[in-house]
N, C-alpha and C. Protein backbone atom coordinates (compact mmCIF):
# COMPACT_ATOMS: atom_id res chain seq x y z
N MET A 1 -11.22 8.53 -39.56
CA MET A 1 -10.05 9.39 -39.16
C MET A 1 -10.25 9.92 -37.70
N LYS A 2 -11.50 10.13 -37.38
CA LYS A 2 -11.88 10.64 -36.00
C LYS A 2 -11.50 9.49 -35.18
N LEU A 3 -11.79 8.17 -35.45
CA LEU A 3 -11.38 7.20 -34.51
C LEU A 3 -9.93 7.10 -34.14
N PHE A 4 -9.18 7.35 -35.37
CA PHE A 4 -7.77 7.33 -35.15
C PHE A 4 -7.20 8.31 -34.42
N ILE A 5 -7.74 9.61 -34.52
CA ILE A 5 -7.41 10.71 -33.55
C ILE A 5 -7.69 10.40 -32.20
N ILE A 6 -8.89 9.89 -31.86
CA ILE A 6 -9.28 9.65 -30.56
C ILE A 6 -8.53 8.48 -29.86
N LEU A 7 -8.19 7.46 -30.69
CA LEU A 7 -7.25 6.58 -30.16
C LEU A 7 -5.87 6.97 -29.98
N ILE A 8 -5.28 7.87 -30.70
CA ILE A 8 -3.98 8.45 -30.30
C ILE A 8 -4.04 9.29 -29.01
N PHE A 9 -5.04 10.19 -28.78
CA PHE A 9 -5.27 10.77 -27.61
C PHE A 9 -5.40 9.87 -26.31
N ILE A 10 -6.38 8.91 -26.37
CA ILE A 10 -6.43 7.85 -25.35
C ILE A 10 -5.04 7.21 -25.17
N THR A 11 -4.46 6.92 -26.06
CA THR A 11 -3.11 6.23 -25.84
C THR A 11 -2.12 7.23 -25.16
N LEU A 12 -2.09 8.55 -25.46
CA LEU A 12 -1.24 9.44 -24.85
C LEU A 12 -1.64 9.80 -23.43
N PHE A 13 -2.98 9.83 -23.14
CA PHE A 13 -3.26 10.07 -21.73
C PHE A 13 -3.13 8.77 -20.83
N CYS A 14 -3.18 7.71 -21.24
CA CYS A 14 -3.10 6.34 -20.63
C CYS A 14 -1.55 6.18 -20.34
N CYS A 15 -0.66 6.63 -21.16
CA CYS A 15 0.70 6.39 -20.93
C CYS A 15 1.45 7.53 -20.08
N SER A 16 0.30 8.34 -19.41
CA SER A 16 1.02 9.41 -18.59
C SER A 16 0.96 9.23 -17.14
N TYR A 17 0.46 7.93 -16.82
CA TYR A 17 0.34 7.34 -15.36
C TYR A 17 1.71 6.85 -14.89
N PRO A 18 1.91 7.26 -13.66
CA PRO A 18 3.35 6.85 -13.16
C PRO A 18 3.27 5.33 -13.14
N ASP A 19 4.52 4.86 -13.15
CA ASP A 19 4.87 3.42 -13.10
C ASP A 19 4.58 2.82 -11.50
N ILE A 20 4.28 1.43 -11.67
CA ILE A 20 4.01 0.84 -10.39
C ILE A 20 5.30 0.76 -9.42
N ASP A 21 6.45 0.90 -10.03
CA ASP A 21 7.71 0.97 -9.44
C ASP A 21 8.03 2.31 -8.68
N SER A 22 7.18 3.26 -8.80
CA SER A 22 7.13 4.55 -8.18
C SER A 22 6.46 4.53 -6.88
N VAL A 23 6.02 3.53 -6.29
CA VAL A 23 5.09 3.48 -5.19
C VAL A 23 6.29 3.70 -3.91
N PRO A 24 5.78 4.56 -3.07
CA PRO A 24 6.72 4.99 -1.92
C PRO A 24 7.05 3.91 -1.01
N ASP A 25 8.09 3.89 -0.18
CA ASP A 25 8.38 2.88 0.67
C ASP A 25 7.72 3.33 2.02
N PHE A 26 7.01 2.36 2.64
CA PHE A 26 6.13 2.65 3.96
C PHE A 26 6.96 2.23 5.31
N LYS A 27 8.23 2.09 5.06
CA LYS A 27 8.86 1.77 6.43
C LYS A 27 8.99 2.65 7.41
N ASP A 28 8.87 3.95 7.30
CA ASP A 28 8.79 4.92 8.37
C ASP A 28 7.36 5.46 8.64
N LEU A 29 6.36 4.67 8.35
CA LEU A 29 4.91 4.79 8.63
C LEU A 29 4.60 4.58 9.95
N LYS A 30 4.00 5.85 10.67
CA LYS A 30 3.67 5.60 12.03
C LYS A 30 2.21 5.08 12.04
N LEU A 31 2.04 4.11 12.90
CA LEU A 31 0.58 3.67 13.06
C LEU A 31 0.13 3.73 14.46
N SER A 32 -1.09 3.93 14.68
CA SER A 32 -1.62 4.14 15.98
C SER A 32 -1.70 2.81 16.49
N LYS A 33 -2.33 2.72 17.94
CA LYS A 33 -2.22 1.38 18.54
C LYS A 33 -3.45 0.51 17.90
N GLU A 34 -4.53 1.15 17.57
CA GLU A 34 -5.57 0.39 16.96
C GLU A 34 -5.16 -0.17 15.40
N GLU A 35 -4.34 0.56 14.77
CA GLU A 35 -3.95 0.22 13.45
C GLU A 35 -2.98 -0.91 13.61
N LEU A 36 -2.04 -0.88 14.64
CA LEU A 36 -1.08 -1.90 14.88
C LEU A 36 -1.81 -3.15 15.20
N PHE A 37 -2.85 -3.06 15.96
CA PHE A 37 -3.60 -4.32 16.38
C PHE A 37 -4.33 -4.92 15.34
N ASP A 38 -4.86 -4.18 14.52
CA ASP A 38 -5.55 -4.71 13.20
C ASP A 38 -4.53 -5.28 12.27
N LEU A 39 -3.44 -4.59 12.08
CA LEU A 39 -2.50 -5.23 11.29
C LEU A 39 -1.90 -6.55 11.96
N CYS A 40 -1.60 -6.56 13.09
CA CYS A 40 -1.02 -7.87 13.60
C CYS A 40 -2.21 -8.96 13.65
N GLN A 41 -3.49 -8.66 13.87
CA GLN A 41 -4.45 -9.51 14.02
C GLN A 41 -4.76 -10.26 12.67
N LEU A 42 -4.46 -9.46 11.50
CA LEU A 42 -4.55 -10.14 10.26
C LEU A 42 -3.56 -11.33 10.14
N SER A 43 -2.42 -11.43 10.81
CA SER A 43 -1.58 -12.31 10.51
C SER A 43 -1.71 -13.54 11.42
N SER A 44 -2.40 -13.24 12.65
CA SER A 44 -2.57 -14.34 13.45
C SER A 44 -3.68 -14.06 14.42
N ASP A 45 -4.27 -15.06 15.02
CA ASP A 45 -5.43 -14.99 15.87
C ASP A 45 -5.13 -15.36 17.45
N ASP A 46 -3.78 -15.85 17.63
CA ASP A 46 -3.27 -16.10 18.90
C ASP A 46 -2.93 -14.77 19.58
N LYS A 47 -3.36 -14.74 20.87
CA LYS A 47 -3.11 -13.57 21.53
C LYS A 47 -1.53 -13.19 21.77
N LYS A 48 -0.89 -14.32 22.11
CA LYS A 48 0.43 -14.09 22.13
C LYS A 48 1.27 -13.56 20.95
N ASP A 49 0.78 -14.11 19.85
CA ASP A 49 1.40 -13.74 18.58
C ASP A 49 1.01 -12.24 18.25
N ILE A 50 -0.18 -11.78 18.54
CA ILE A 50 -0.49 -10.53 18.30
C ILE A 50 0.29 -9.47 19.25
N ASP A 51 0.58 -9.88 20.55
CA ASP A 51 1.24 -9.05 21.42
C ASP A 51 2.65 -9.07 21.04
N ALA A 52 3.32 -9.98 20.49
CA ALA A 52 4.68 -10.14 20.21
C ALA A 52 4.72 -9.16 18.87
N CYS A 53 3.90 -9.28 17.90
CA CYS A 53 3.89 -8.57 16.74
C CYS A 53 3.67 -6.97 16.90
N ILE A 54 2.86 -6.69 17.94
CA ILE A 54 2.73 -5.26 18.30
C ILE A 54 4.06 -4.72 18.89
N LYS A 55 4.58 -5.48 19.71
CA LYS A 55 5.88 -5.04 20.30
C LYS A 55 7.00 -4.93 19.38
N LYS A 56 7.04 -5.78 18.34
CA LYS A 56 8.17 -5.77 17.35
C LYS A 56 7.63 -4.55 16.39
N LYS A 57 6.55 -4.27 16.07
CA LYS A 57 6.17 -3.10 15.22
C LYS A 57 6.56 -1.70 15.94
N GLN A 58 6.24 -1.76 17.35
CA GLN A 58 6.50 -0.47 17.98
C GLN A 58 7.96 -0.04 18.19
N GLN A 59 8.81 -1.10 18.17
CA GLN A 59 10.08 -0.87 18.34
C GLN A 59 10.93 -0.17 17.03
N ARG A 60 10.14 -0.17 15.98
CA ARG A 60 10.57 0.33 14.79
C ARG A 60 10.64 1.75 14.83
C-alpha cells in the first residue's frame, strides 16, 4: 500500500512540469559581439562566412 501511495505522489509531481512547447521564442534576444562571433563560428570556419553571419545577425 505504501508503494502505491508513493507511486501516486511521484506521478503527480512528475506531471506538474511544463510542456516542451512552452519554451520561449528567442528571436528578440540581444547578443554581445563575442556571443555573435561564437554563434557564427559554430556554423562555419571561413572568415567571410563568419563576417557575413555577424552582419546578418546584427541587423535583426
